[in-house]
Amino acid sequence: MDVGAELTFFLLGTIPAEIGNLEKLQVLGLQNNYLTNTIPLDLWTLPALAALYLDGNSLTGTIPVQAKSMEHLIDLRLRDNMMHGTFENLGNASKSRPLHLE
């Protein structure tokens, strides 16, 4: 059973750090909102997260080293934000399957 949330309701503000408490979350879609600031570190350590859609916001920052622990991540969409840097911290995130990046 997929456990996920997809919210495109013109959300304004930051992604709450408490989202990191959703340990069984597999899909998170917060694309095309008005989210700002950086992505909470706890989100990068969710053990079951397979798809993360944050494209079309105003997020800043980089992909932290904690992202290497995302073993199930297969789809990551960050385009149309104000993030910078490289994807090198995703090097170990998806060892046995291809990772779709946008």
Protein backbone atom coordinates (compact mmCIF):
# COMPACT_ATOMS: atom_id res chain seq x y z
CA MET A 1 0.00 0.00 0.00
CA ASP A 2 1.39 3.41 -0.99
CA VAL A 3 1.35 6.02 1.72
CA GLY A 4 1.53 9.50 0.29
CA ALA A 5 0.36 13.05 0.23
CA GLU A 6 -0.02 15.35 -2.75
CA LEU A 7 -0.99 18.92 -2.00
CA THR A 8 -1.34 21.64 -4.61
CA PHE A 9 -3.47 24.14 -2.76
CA PHE A 10 -1.41 27.29 -3.19
CA LEU A 11 0.43 26.54 0.02
CA LEU A 12 2.45 29.50 1.25
CA GLY A 13 5.39 29.38 3.66
CA THR A 14 7.91 26.74 4.62
CA ILE A 15 7.80 22.96 4.76
CA PRO A 16 7.35 22.09 8.45
CA ALA A 17 10.18 20.12 10.05
CA GLU A 18 7.58 17.82 11.63
CA ILE A 19 7.09 16.20 8.23
CA GLY A 20 10.16 14.19 9.16
CA ASN A 21 8.03 12.31 11.70
CA LEU A 22 6.07 10.58 8.91
CA GLU A 23 8.36 7.54 8.76
CA LYS A 24 6.07 5.48 6.52
CA LEU A 25 5.54 8.26 3.96
CA GLN A 26 6.37 6.95 0.47
CA VAL A 27 5.26 9.79 -1.82
CA LEU A 28 5.23 13.51 -1.07
CA GLY A 29 3.92 15.94 -3.67
CA LEU A 30 4.11 19.62 -2.79
CA GLN A 31 4.72 20.85 -6.31
CA ASN A 32 3.47 24.15 -7.75
CA ASN A 33 2.91 25.95 -4.49
CA TYR A 34 4.57 28.98 -2.91
CA LEU A 35 6.95 27.20 -0.57
CA THR A 36 10.10 29.05 0.46
CA ASN A 37 13.26 28.54 2.49
CA THR A 38 15.21 25.28 2.59
CA ILE A 39 13.93 21.72 2.63
CA PRO A 40 13.96 20.45 6.25
CA LEU A 41 16.83 18.06 6.99
CA ASP A 42 14.43 15.51 8.50
CA LEU A 43 12.65 15.18 5.16
CA TRP A 44 15.92 13.92 3.60
CA THR A 45 16.05 11.04 6.09
CA LEU A 46 12.54 9.60 5.67
CA PRO A 47 13.25 5.87 5.37
CA ALA A 48 10.40 4.86 3.04
CA LEU A 49 10.24 7.93 0.76
CA ALA A 50 10.31 6.82 -2.89
CA ALA A 51 9.07 9.97 -4.66
CA LEU A 52 9.54 13.61 -3.73
CA TYR A 53 7.90 16.28 -5.89
CA LEU A 54 8.85 19.81 -4.86
CA ASP A 55 9.10 21.39 -8.31
CA GLY A 56 7.54 24.78 -9.01
CA ASN A 57 8.18 26.46 -5.65
CA SER A 58 10.73 28.99 -4.40
CA LEU A 59 12.86 26.64 -2.33
CA THR A 60 16.51 27.49 -1.69
CA GLY A 61 19.61 25.70 -0.48
CA THR A 62 21.28 22.48 -1.56
CA ILE A 63 20.76 18.74 -1.28
CA PRO A 64 22.38 17.83 2.06
CA VAL A 65 24.60 14.87 2.80
CA GLN A 66 21.67 13.29 4.73
CA ALA A 67 20.06 12.51 1.36
CA LYS A 68 22.48 9.60 0.97
CA SER A 69 20.35 7.63 3.44
CA MET A 70 17.29 7.69 1.13
CA GLU A 71 17.54 4.09 -0.05
CA HIS A 72 14.07 3.93 -1.61
CA LEU A 73 14.11 7.24 -3.49
CA ILE A 74 13.47 6.71 -7.22
CA ASP A 75 11.89 10.01 -8.30
CA LEU A 76 13.08 13.46 -7.24
CA ARG A 77 11.71 16.63 -8.84
CA LEU A 78 13.21 19.95 -7.78
CA ARG A 79 13.12 21.99 -11.00
CA ASP A 80 11.79 25.56 -11.01
CA ASN A 81 13.14 26.42 -7.57
CA MET A 82 16.08 28.56 -6.48
CA MET A 83 18.26 25.69 -5.28
CA HIS A 84 21.92 25.42 -6.21
CA GLY A 85 24.70 22.84 -6.13
CA THR A 86 25.01 19.33 -7.47
CA PHE A 87 23.29 16.00 -6.96
CA GLU A 88 26.42 14.29 -5.62
CA ASN A 89 24.84 13.78 -2.18
CA LEU A 90 22.38 11.40 -3.82
CA GLY A 91 25.21 9.07 -4.84
CA ASN A 92 24.22 6.22 -2.51
CA ALA A 93 20.51 7.01 -2.28
CA SER A 94 19.39 4.61 -4.96
CA LYS A 95 21.91 1.79 -5.18
CA SER A 96 19.86 -0.87 -6.90
CA ARG A 97 17.52 1.15 -9.12
CA PRO A 98 17.73 4.17 -11.41
CA LEU A 99 16.90 7.56 -9.95
CA HIS A 100 14.72 9.94 -11.98
CA LEU A 101 15.88 13.52 -11.43
CA GLU A 102 14.17 16.72 -12.63
